[in-house]
């Protein structure tokens, strides 16, 4: 079986149809079918469009049907390449995921996904605009909506597409006291567009030299981050003297496996 290869968008491509002597007409094989993925800009949470530098993107990763496609830079592409061409594309409709990656090579900053049905023959251009949105964790308490004096909020957000923890604050974090309970600024930060799961939310106080839980909501809640919009998730915490058991449990199912060494598609 032919293997899928990736070429830079600037590469010269010669794609066409092959003659089928069986029916006297023309038909295509996978070698004749390509998709050129182009990322001319990125969309920030405030709706502004910017370039690689403005978005903080060093690399771009491409997935087709949740399988990572091999690129020249540790499996991905330099953001400045501006695009890449997938060759030997099978017929049918494919989910194309494009992610802007930070300089550390692993942190996903922005994302775009397109369902693409390529032309039977030749190249199909697929313009994408990886984006981010704003996540707002709107917490409250039940039955009495009052913070424990001097408490802070812990939580964990799981990327349901990439299979990695996207954001987490707890007693093991570099700054556990990041989100004071009742702070009018709330818990608001940016995430790449896409599907996520809030796996737990907890309230804790620092007492006797350790962080002690005072309230929790241990339900896993799915939510989506919309490009250049505020995605608010409301969560009510109940009094609890224990942290959520999900801390020691296996992560929720993800759409794809966490990123490892890039492989080519068959």
C-alpha atoms as a PDB file:
ATOM      1  CA  UNK A   1       0.000   0.000   0.000  1.00  0.00           C
ATOM      2  CA  UNK A   2       1.272   3.462  -0.788  1.00  0.00           C
ATOM      3  CA  UNK A   3       2.294   5.586   2.160  1.00  0.00           C
ATOM      4  CA  UNK A   4       1.141   9.145   2.725  1.00  0.00           C
ATOM      5  CA  UNK A   5       3.933  11.674   2.364  1.00  0.00           C
ATOM      6  CA  UNK A   6       4.029  15.375   3.127  1.00  0.00           C
ATOM      7  CA  UNK A   7       5.692  18.010   0.973  1.00  0.00           C
ATOM      8  CA  UNK A   8       6.048  21.704   1.634  1.00  0.00           C
ATOM      9  CA  UNK A   9       3.388  23.842   0.005  1.00  0.00           C
ATOM     10  CA  UNK A  10       6.005  25.403  -2.226  1.00  0.00           C
ATOM     11  CA  UNK A  11       6.844  22.061  -3.747  1.00  0.00           C
ATOM     12  CA  UNK A  12       5.975  21.585  -7.388  1.00  0.00           C
ATOM     13  CA  UNK A  13       3.135  19.122  -7.835  1.00  0.00           C
ATOM     14  CA  UNK A  14       2.065  17.395 -10.991  1.00  0.00           C
ATOM     15  CA  UNK A  15      -1.331  15.824 -10.450  1.00  0.00           C
ATOM     16  CA  UNK A  16      -3.712  14.526 -13.024  1.00  0.00           C
ATOM     17  CA  UNK A  17      -5.863  11.620 -14.072  1.00  0.00           C
ATOM     18  CA  UNK A  18      -4.791   8.274 -15.341  1.00  0.00           C
ATOM     19  CA  UNK A  19      -6.384   6.612 -18.353  1.00  0.00           C
ATOM     20  CA  UNK A  20      -8.563   3.660 -17.561  1.00  0.00           C
ATOM     21  CA  UNK A  21      -8.648   1.225 -20.454  1.00  0.00           C
ATOM     22  CA  UNK A  22     -11.402  -0.757 -18.751  1.00  0.00           C
ATOM     23  CA  UNK A  23     -14.127   1.804 -19.365  1.00  0.00           C
ATOM     24  CA  UNK A  24     -12.471   4.006 -21.944  1.00  0.00           C
ATOM     25  CA  UNK A  25     -12.662   7.009 -19.599  1.00  0.00           C
ATOM     26  CA  UNK A  26     -10.559   8.606 -16.909  1.00  0.00           C
ATOM     27  CA  UNK A  27     -10.199   7.653 -13.274  1.00  0.00           C
ATOM     28  CA  UNK A  28      -7.926   8.709 -10.452  1.00  0.00           C
ATOM     29  CA  UNK A  29      -5.692   6.828  -8.114  1.00  0.00           C
ATOM     30  CA  UNK A  30      -4.524   8.112  -4.739  1.00  0.00           C
ATOM     31  CA  UNK A  31      -1.291   9.365  -6.294  1.00  0.00           C
ATOM     32  CA  UNK A  32      -3.308  11.902  -8.299  1.00  0.00           C
ATOM     33  CA  UNK A  33      -5.119  13.334  -5.258  1.00  0.00           C
ATOM     34  CA  UNK A  34      -3.520  15.952  -2.995  1.00  0.00           C
ATOM     35  CA  UNK A  35      -4.612  18.496  -0.385  1.00  0.00           C
ATOM     36  CA  UNK A  36      -2.715  21.714   0.235  1.00  0.00           C
ATOM     37  CA  UNK A  37      -3.305  22.957   3.783  1.00  0.00           C
ATOM     38  CA  UNK A  38      -2.685  26.709   4.104  1.00  0.00           C
ATOM     39  CA  UNK A  39      -2.475  28.738   7.337  1.00  0.00           C
ATOM     40  CA  UNK A  40      -2.097  32.391   6.263  1.00  0.00           C
ATOM     41  CA  UNK A  41      -3.150  33.752   9.682  1.00  0.00           C
ATOM     42  CA  UNK A  42      -4.315  32.921  13.186  1.00  0.00           C
ATOM     43  CA  UNK A  43      -7.302  34.219  15.143  1.00  0.00           C
ATOM     44  CA  UNK A  44      -6.773  35.373  18.711  1.00  0.00           C
ATOM     45  CA  UNK A  45      -9.349  35.250  21.488  1.00  0.00           C
ATOM     46  CA  UNK A  46     -10.227  38.907  20.925  1.00  0.00           C
ATOM     47  CA  UNK A  47     -11.005  38.275  17.247  1.00  0.00           C
ATOM     48  CA  UNK A  48      -7.799  39.848  15.926  1.00  0.00           C
ATOM     49  CA  UNK A  49      -6.050  38.098  13.053  1.00  0.00           C
ATOM     50  CA  UNK A  50      -2.292  37.836  13.322  1.00  0.00           C
ATOM     51  CA  UNK A  51       0.792  36.063  11.992  1.00  0.00           C
ATOM     52  CA  UNK A  52       2.935  33.336  13.538  1.00  0.00           C
ATOM     53  CA  UNK A  53       4.854  35.724  15.756  1.00  0.00           C
ATOM     54  CA  UNK A  54       1.779  37.556  16.941  1.00  0.00           C
ATOM     55  CA  UNK A  55       0.137  34.250  17.875  1.00  0.00           C
ATOM     56  CA  UNK A  56       3.278  32.877  19.538  1.00  0.00           C
ATOM     57  CA  UNK A  57       3.268  29.894  17.168  1.00  0.00           C
ATOM     58  CA  UNK A  58       6.584  28.267  16.264  1.00  0.00           C
ATOM     59  CA  UNK A  59       5.364  25.034  14.697  1.00  0.00           C
ATOM     60  CA  UNK A  60       2.214  23.675  13.057  1.00  0.00           C
ATOM     61  CA  UNK A  61       0.947  20.112  13.451  1.00  0.00           C
ATOM     62  CA  UNK A  62      -1.464  18.528  10.971  1.00  0.00           C
ATOM     63  CA  UNK A  63      -3.732  15.549  11.605  1.00  0.00           C
ATOM     64  CA  UNK A  64      -5.908  13.737   9.109  1.00  0.00           C
ATOM     65  CA  UNK A  65      -8.695  11.650  10.609  1.00  0.00           C
ATOM     66  CA  UNK A  66      -6.924  12.001  13.986  1.00  0.00           C
ATOM     67  CA  UNK A  67      -3.684  10.500  12.708  1.00  0.00           C
ATOM     68  CA  UNK A  68      -0.655  12.767  12.851  1.00  0.00           C
ATOM     69  CA  UNK A  69       0.886  13.467   9.475  1.00  0.00           C
ATOM     70  CA  UNK A  70       4.664  13.471   9.165  1.00  0.00           C
ATOM     71  CA  UNK A  71       6.379  16.803   8.678  1.00  0.00           C
ATOM     72  CA  UNK A  72      10.031  17.864   8.453  1.00  0.00           C
ATOM     73  CA  UNK A  73      10.348  19.595  11.864  1.00  0.00           C
ATOM     74  CA  UNK A  74      10.143  16.894  14.558  1.00  0.00           C
ATOM     75  CA  UNK A  75       6.992  15.717  12.866  1.00  0.00           C
ATOM     76  CA  UNK A  76       5.484  19.150  12.251  1.00  0.00           C
ATOM     77  CA  UNK A  77       6.197  22.241  10.177  1.00  0.00           C
ATOM     78  CA  UNK A  78       7.759  25.587  10.851  1.00  0.00           C
ATOM     79  CA  UNK A  79       4.912  28.060  11.180  1.00  0.00           C
ATOM     80  CA  UNK A  80       6.590  30.334   8.645  1.00  0.00           C
ATOM     81  CA  UNK A  81       6.194  27.694   5.953  1.00  0.00           C
ATOM     82  CA  UNK A  82       2.618  28.890   5.622  1.00  0.00           C
ATOM     83  CA  UNK A  83       1.305  25.561   4.376  1.00  0.00           C
ATOM     84  CA  UNK A  84       1.966  21.961   3.429  1.00  0.00           C
ATOM     85  CA  UNK A  85       0.710  19.557   0.795  1.00  0.00           C
ATOM     86  CA  UNK A  86      -0.548  16.071   1.607  1.00  0.00           C
ATOM     87  CA  UNK A  87      -0.005  13.625  -1.212  1.00  0.00           C
ATOM     88  CA  UNK A  88      -1.553  10.204  -1.843  1.00  0.00           C
ATOM     89  CA  UNK A  89      -4.831  11.272  -0.252  1.00  0.00           C
ATOM     90  CA  UNK A  90      -7.448   8.495  -0.244  1.00  0.00           C
ATOM     91  CA  UNK A  91     -10.853   9.213  -1.761  1.00  0.00           C
ATOM     92  CA  UNK A  92     -13.658  10.266   0.559  1.00  0.00           C
ATOM     93  CA  UNK A  93     -14.215  12.855   3.268  1.00  0.00           C
ATOM     94  CA  UNK A  94     -11.442  13.529   5.784  1.00  0.00           C
ATOM     95  CA  UNK A  95     -11.267  15.444   9.061  1.00  0.00           C
ATOM     96  CA  UNK A  96      -8.302  17.807   8.891  1.00  0.00           C
ATOM     97  CA  UNK A  97      -7.028  19.226  12.184  1.00  0.00           C
ATOM     98  CA  UNK A  98      -4.403  21.981  12.196  1.00  0.00           C
ATOM     99  CA  UNK A  99      -2.820  23.137  15.450  1.00  0.00           C
ATOM    100  CA  UNK A 100      -0.484  26.025  16.212  1.00  0.00           C
ATOM    101  CA  UNK A 101       2.248  24.838  18.587  1.00  0.00           C
ATOM    102  CA  UNK A 102       4.381  26.922  20.952  1.00  0.00           C
ATOM    103  CA  UNK A 103       8.186  26.993  20.847  1.00  0.00           C
ATOM    104  CA  UNK A 104       8.341  24.157  23.407  1.00  0.00           C
ATOM    105  CA  UNK A 105       7.109  21.847  20.654  1.00  0.00           C
ATOM    106  CA  UNK A 106       4.148  20.482  22.609  1.00  0.00           C
ATOM    107  CA  UNK A 107       1.808  23.199  23.916  1.00  0.00           C
ATOM    108  CA  UNK A 108      -1.230  23.616  21.650  1.00  0.00           C
ATOM    109  CA  UNK A 109      -2.109  27.300  21.357  1.00  0.00           C
ATOM    110  CA  UNK A 110      -4.671  27.451  18.545  1.00  0.00           C
ATOM    111  CA  UNK A 111      -6.692  24.954  16.501  1.00  0.00           C
ATOM    112  CA  UNK A 112      -8.878  24.686  13.419  1.00  0.00           C
ATOM    113  CA  UNK A 113     -10.733  21.670  12.052  1.00  0.00           C
ATOM    114  CA  UNK A 114     -12.280  21.188   8.634  1.00  0.00           C
ATOM    115  CA  UNK A 115     -14.151  18.313   7.042  1.00  0.00           C
ATOM    116  CA  UNK A 116     -12.733  18.082   3.530  1.00  0.00           C
ATOM    117  CA  UNK A 117     -13.769  16.018   0.525  1.00  0.00           C
ATOM    118  CA  UNK A 118     -10.906  16.454  -1.969  1.00  0.00           C
ATOM    119  CA  UNK A 119     -11.344  16.583  -5.720  1.00  0.00           C
ATOM    120  CA  UNK A 120     -11.121  13.228  -7.453  1.00  0.00           C
ATOM    121  CA  UNK A 121      -8.087  14.448  -9.379  1.00  0.00           C
ATOM    122  CA  UNK A 122      -5.543  17.153  -8.694  1.00  0.00           C
ATOM    123  CA  UNK A 123      -5.001  19.385  -5.694  1.00  0.00           C
ATOM    124  CA  UNK A 124      -7.603  20.681  -3.232  1.00  0.00           C
ATOM    125  CA  UNK A 125      -6.684  23.897  -1.412  1.00  0.00           C
ATOM    126  CA  UNK A 126      -7.769  23.943   2.225  1.00  0.00           C
ATOM    127  CA  UNK A 127      -7.362  27.379   3.866  1.00  0.00           C
ATOM    128  CA  UNK A 128      -7.468  27.150   7.663  1.00  0.00           C
ATOM    129  CA  UNK A 129      -7.249  29.661  10.486  1.00  0.00           C
ATOM    130  CA  UNK A 130      -6.270  28.070  13.795  1.00  0.00           C
ATOM    131  CA  UNK A 131      -7.976  29.989  16.575  1.00  0.00           C
ATOM    132  CA  UNK A 132      -8.307  30.358  20.317  1.00  0.00           C
ATOM    133  CA  UNK A 133     -11.193  31.339  22.531  1.00  0.00           C
ATOM    134  CA  UNK A 134     -11.766  32.403  26.117  1.00  0.00           C
ATOM    135  CA  UNK A 135     -12.808  29.912  28.789  1.00  0.00           C
ATOM    136  CA  UNK A 136     -14.722  31.264  31.778  1.00  0.00           C
ATOM    137  CA  UNK A 137     -15.145  28.902  34.738  1.00  0.00           C
ATOM    138  CA  UNK A 138     -18.168  30.366  36.527  1.00  0.00           C
ATOM    139  CA  UNK A 139     -18.079  28.618  39.906  1.00  0.00           C
ATOM    140  CA  UNK A 140     -20.586  28.859  42.742  1.00  0.00           C
ATOM    141  CA  UNK A 141     -21.340  26.991  45.971  1.00  0.00           C
ATOM    142  CA  UNK A 142     -24.343  25.022  47.149  1.00  0.00           C
ATOM    143  CA  UNK A 143     -26.425  25.297  49.253  1.00  0.00           C
ATOM    144  CA  UNK A 144     -24.830  28.582  50.415  1.00  0.00           C
ATOM    145  CA  UNK A 145     -23.002  30.495  47.701  1.00  0.00           C
ATOM    146  CA  UNK A 146     -20.156  31.787  49.887  1.00  0.00           C
ATOM    147  CA  UNK A 147     -16.380  31.234  49.647  1.00  0.00           C
ATOM    148  CA  UNK A 148     -14.561  29.754  52.612  1.00  0.00           C
ATOM    149  CA  UNK A 149     -12.416  32.508  54.130  1.00  0.00           C
ATOM    150  CA  UNK A 150      -8.968  32.618  52.493  1.00  0.00           C
ATOM    151  CA  UNK A 151      -9.734  29.853  49.996  1.00  0.00           C
ATOM    152  CA  UNK A 152      -8.509  29.248  46.437  1.00  0.00           C
ATOM    153  CA  UNK A 153      -9.900  27.309  43.475  1.00  0.00           C
ATOM    154  CA  UNK A 154      -8.261  24.213  42.021  1.00  0.00           C
ATOM    155  CA  UNK A 155      -9.331  22.610  38.733  1.00  0.00           C
ATOM    156  CA  UNK A 156      -8.200  20.485  35.793  1.00  0.00           C
ATOM    157  CA  UNK A 157      -9.140  20.931  32.122  1.00  0.00           C
ATOM    158  CA  UNK A 158      -8.537  18.061  29.710  1.00  0.00           C
ATOM    159  CA  UNK A 159      -8.213  18.478  25.941  1.00  0.00           C
ATOM    160  CA  UNK A 160     -10.723  15.933  24.635  1.00  0.00           C
ATOM    161  CA  UNK A 161      -9.209  16.057  21.143  1.00  0.00           C
ATOM    162  CA  UNK A 162      -5.488  15.869  21.877  1.00  0.00           C
ATOM    163  CA  UNK A 163      -5.694  13.675  24.984  1.00  0.00           C
ATOM    164  CA  UNK A 164      -3.620  15.957  27.224  1.00  0.00           C
ATOM    165  CA  UNK A 165      -4.218  18.162  30.262  1.00  0.00           C
ATOM    166  CA  UNK A 166      -4.656  21.654  28.837  1.00  0.00           C
ATOM    167  CA  UNK A 167      -4.788  23.611  32.107  1.00  0.00           C
ATOM    168  CA  UNK A 168      -4.468  22.629  35.735  1.00  0.00           C
ATOM    169  CA  UNK A 169      -4.101  24.383  39.062  1.00  0.00           C
ATOM    170  CA  UNK A 170      -3.825  22.484  42.344  1.00  0.00           C
ATOM    171  CA  UNK A 171      -1.560  22.083  45.373  1.00  0.00           C
ATOM    172  CA  UNK A 172       1.172  20.602  43.161  1.00  0.00           C
ATOM    173  CA  UNK A 173       1.181  23.578  40.750  1.00  0.00           C
ATOM    174  CA  UNK A 174       3.958  26.188  40.780  1.00  0.00           C
ATOM    175  CA  UNK A 175       1.393  28.743  41.973  1.00  0.00           C
ATOM    176  CA  UNK A 176      -1.481  27.032  43.812  1.00  0.00           C
ATOM    177  CA  UNK A 177      -2.748  30.406  45.021  1.00  0.00           C
ATOM    178  CA  UNK A 178      -3.448  31.581  41.488  1.00  0.00           C
ATOM    179  CA  UNK A 179      -7.208  31.958  41.720  1.00  0.00           C
ATOM    180  CA  UNK A 180      -8.480  33.372  44.999  1.00  0.00           C
ATOM    181  CA  UNK A 181     -12.083  32.469  45.679  1.00  0.00           C
ATOM    182  CA  UNK A 182     -14.285  35.498  45.135  1.00  0.00           C
ATOM    183  CA  UNK A 183     -11.754  37.411  43.038  1.00  0.00           C
ATOM    184  CA  UNK A 184     -13.838  39.605  40.710  1.00  0.00           C
ATOM    185  CA  UNK A 185     -11.538  38.680  37.834  1.00  0.00           C
ATOM    186  CA  UNK A 186     -12.796  35.101  38.109  1.00  0.00           C
ATOM    187  CA  UNK A 187     -11.150  32.110  36.431  1.00  0.00           C
ATOM    188  CA  UNK A 188     -10.718  33.192  32.829  1.00  0.00           C
ATOM    189  CA  UNK A 189      -8.030  32.146  30.351  1.00  0.00           C
ATOM    190  CA  UNK A 190      -7.540  31.258  26.702  1.00  0.00           C
ATOM    191  CA  UNK A 191      -7.699  27.766  25.200  1.00  0.00           C
ATOM    192  CA  UNK A 192      -7.401  26.519  21.623  1.00  0.00           C
ATOM    193  CA  UNK A 193     -10.726  26.117  19.850  1.00  0.00           C
ATOM    194  CA  UNK A 194     -12.224  22.660  20.235  1.00  0.00           C
ATOM    195  CA  UNK A 195     -13.671  20.148  22.688  1.00  0.00           C
ATOM    196  CA  UNK A 196     -12.593  19.910  26.333  1.00  0.00           C
ATOM    197  CA  UNK A 197     -13.590  18.268  29.613  1.00  0.00           C
ATOM    198  CA  UNK A 198     -13.511  19.927  33.012  1.00  0.00           C
ATOM    199  CA  UNK A 199     -12.585  16.866  35.072  1.00  0.00           C
ATOM    200  CA  UNK A 200     -12.823  18.418  38.559  1.00  0.00           C
ATOM    201  CA  UNK A 201     -13.241  21.687  40.460  1.00  0.00           C
ATOM    202  CA  UNK A 202     -12.201  22.105  44.105  1.00  0.00           C
ATOM    203  CA  UNK A 203     -11.946  24.768  46.779  1.00  0.00           C
ATOM    204  CA  UNK A 204      -9.032  24.580  49.243  1.00  0.00           C
ATOM    205  CA  UNK A 205      -7.402  26.568  52.036  1.00  0.00           C
ATOM    206  CA  UNK A 206      -3.792  26.513  53.203  1.00  0.00           C
ATOM    207  CA  UNK A 207      -3.849  25.397  56.821  1.00  0.00           C
ATOM    208  CA  UNK A 208      -1.296  23.749  59.081  1.00  0.00           C
ATOM    209  CA  UNK A 209       1.331  23.766  56.353  1.00  0.00           C
ATOM    210  CA  UNK A 210      -0.829  21.936  53.798  1.00  0.00           C
ATOM    211  CA  UNK A 211      -3.680  22.525  51.364  1.00  0.00           C
ATOM    212  CA  UNK A 212      -6.962  21.290  52.795  1.00  0.00           C
ATOM    213  CA  UNK A 213     -10.078  20.779  50.610  1.00  0.00           C
ATOM    214  CA  UNK A 214     -13.275  22.533  51.655  1.00  0.00           C
ATOM    215  CA  UNK A 215     -15.604  22.039  48.666  1.00  0.00           C
ATOM    216  CA  UNK A 216     -15.653  20.127  45.399  1.00  0.00           C
ATOM    217  CA  UNK A 217     -17.506  19.245  42.229  1.00  0.00           C
ATOM    218  CA  UNK A 218     -16.109  15.968  40.921  1.00  0.00           C
ATOM    219  CA  UNK A 219     -18.357  15.602  37.878  1.00  0.00           C
ATOM    220  CA  UNK A 220     -16.609  15.525  34.513  1.00  0.00           C
ATOM    221  CA  UNK A 221     -18.263  18.164  32.344  1.00  0.00           C
ATOM    222  CA  UNK A 222     -17.765  18.459  28.591  1.00  0.00           C
ATOM    223  CA  UNK A 223     -17.633  21.856  26.929  1.00  0.00           C
ATOM    224  CA  UNK A 224     -16.431  23.473  23.712  1.00  0.00           C
ATOM    225  CA  UNK A 225     -14.288  26.545  23.173  1.00  0.00           C
ATOM    226  CA  UNK A 226     -15.543  28.714  20.313  1.00  0.00           C
ATOM    227  CA  UNK A 227     -13.061  30.793  18.293  1.00  0.00           C
ATOM    228  CA  UNK A 228     -12.868  34.444  19.372  1.00  0.00           C
ATOM    229  CA  UNK A 229     -15.736  34.036  21.859  1.00  0.00           C
ATOM    230  CA  UNK A 230     -16.240  33.560  25.587  1.00  0.00           C
ATOM    231  CA  UNK A 231     -17.268  30.010  26.489  1.00  0.00           C
ATOM    232  CA  UNK A 232     -18.740  30.022  30.005  1.00  0.00           C
ATOM    233  CA  UNK A 233     -19.119  26.852  32.043  1.00  0.00           C
ATOM    234  CA  UNK A 234     -21.114  27.087  35.284  1.00  0.00           C
ATOM    235  CA  UNK A 235     -20.132  24.707  38.082  1.00  0.00           C
ATOM    236  CA  UNK A 236     -21.559  24.461  41.614  1.00  0.00           C
ATOM    237  CA  UNK A 237     -19.322  23.079  44.389  1.00  0.00           C
ATOM    238  CA  UNK A 238     -20.621  21.366  47.528  1.00  0.00           C
ATOM    239  CA  UNK A 239     -18.890  21.179  50.911  1.00  0.00           C
ATOM    240  CA  UNK A 240     -16.305  18.403  50.958  1.00  0.00           C
ATOM    241  CA  UNK A 241     -13.408  17.373  53.181  1.00  0.00           C
ATOM    242  CA  UNK A 242     -11.875  15.274  50.391  1.00  0.00           C
ATOM    243  CA  UNK A 243     -10.327  15.978  47.019  1.00  0.00           C
ATOM    244  CA  UNK A 244     -11.972  14.483  43.941  1.00  0.00           C
ATOM    245  CA  UNK A 245     -11.132  10.808  43.350  1.00  0.00           C
ATOM    246  CA  UNK A 246     -10.657  11.627  39.647  1.00  0.00           C
ATOM    247  CA  UNK A 247      -7.154  12.822  40.556  1.00  0.00           C
ATOM    248  CA  UNK A 248      -5.979   9.212  40.687  1.00  0.00           C
ATOM    249  CA  UNK A 249      -8.270   7.874  37.979  1.00  0.00           C
ATOM    250  CA  UNK A 250      -7.435   7.349  34.327  1.00  0.00           C
ATOM    251  CA  UNK A 251      -8.053  10.401  32.116  1.00  0.00           C
ATOM    252  CA  UNK A 252     -11.328  10.535  30.206  1.00  0.00           C
ATOM    253  CA  UNK A 253     -11.342   9.127  26.674  1.00  0.00           C
ATOM    254  CA  UNK A 254      -9.814  11.404  24.053  1.00  0.00           C
ATOM    255  CA  UNK A 255     -10.474  11.489  20.349  1.00  0.00           C
ATOM    256  CA  UNK A 256      -6.856  10.719  19.572  1.00  0.00           C
ATOM    257  CA  UNK A 257      -3.842   9.471  21.474  1.00  0.00           C
ATOM    258  CA  UNK A 258      -1.505  12.018  23.085  1.00  0.00           C
ATOM    259  CA  UNK A 259       1.116  13.291  20.680  1.00  0.00           C
ATOM    260  CA  UNK A 260       4.127  11.074  20.366  1.00  0.00           C
ATOM    261  CA  UNK A 261       6.606  10.522  17.555  1.00  0.00           C
ATOM    262  CA  UNK A 262       5.011  11.499  14.261  1.00  0.00           C
ATOM    263  CA  UNK A 263       4.169   8.721  11.831  1.00  0.00           C
ATOM    264  CA  UNK A 264       3.102   8.688   8.230  1.00  0.00           C
ATOM    265  CA  UNK A 265      -0.339   7.449   7.295  1.00  0.00           C
ATOM    266  CA  UNK A 266      -0.702   4.258   5.265  1.00  0.00           C
END
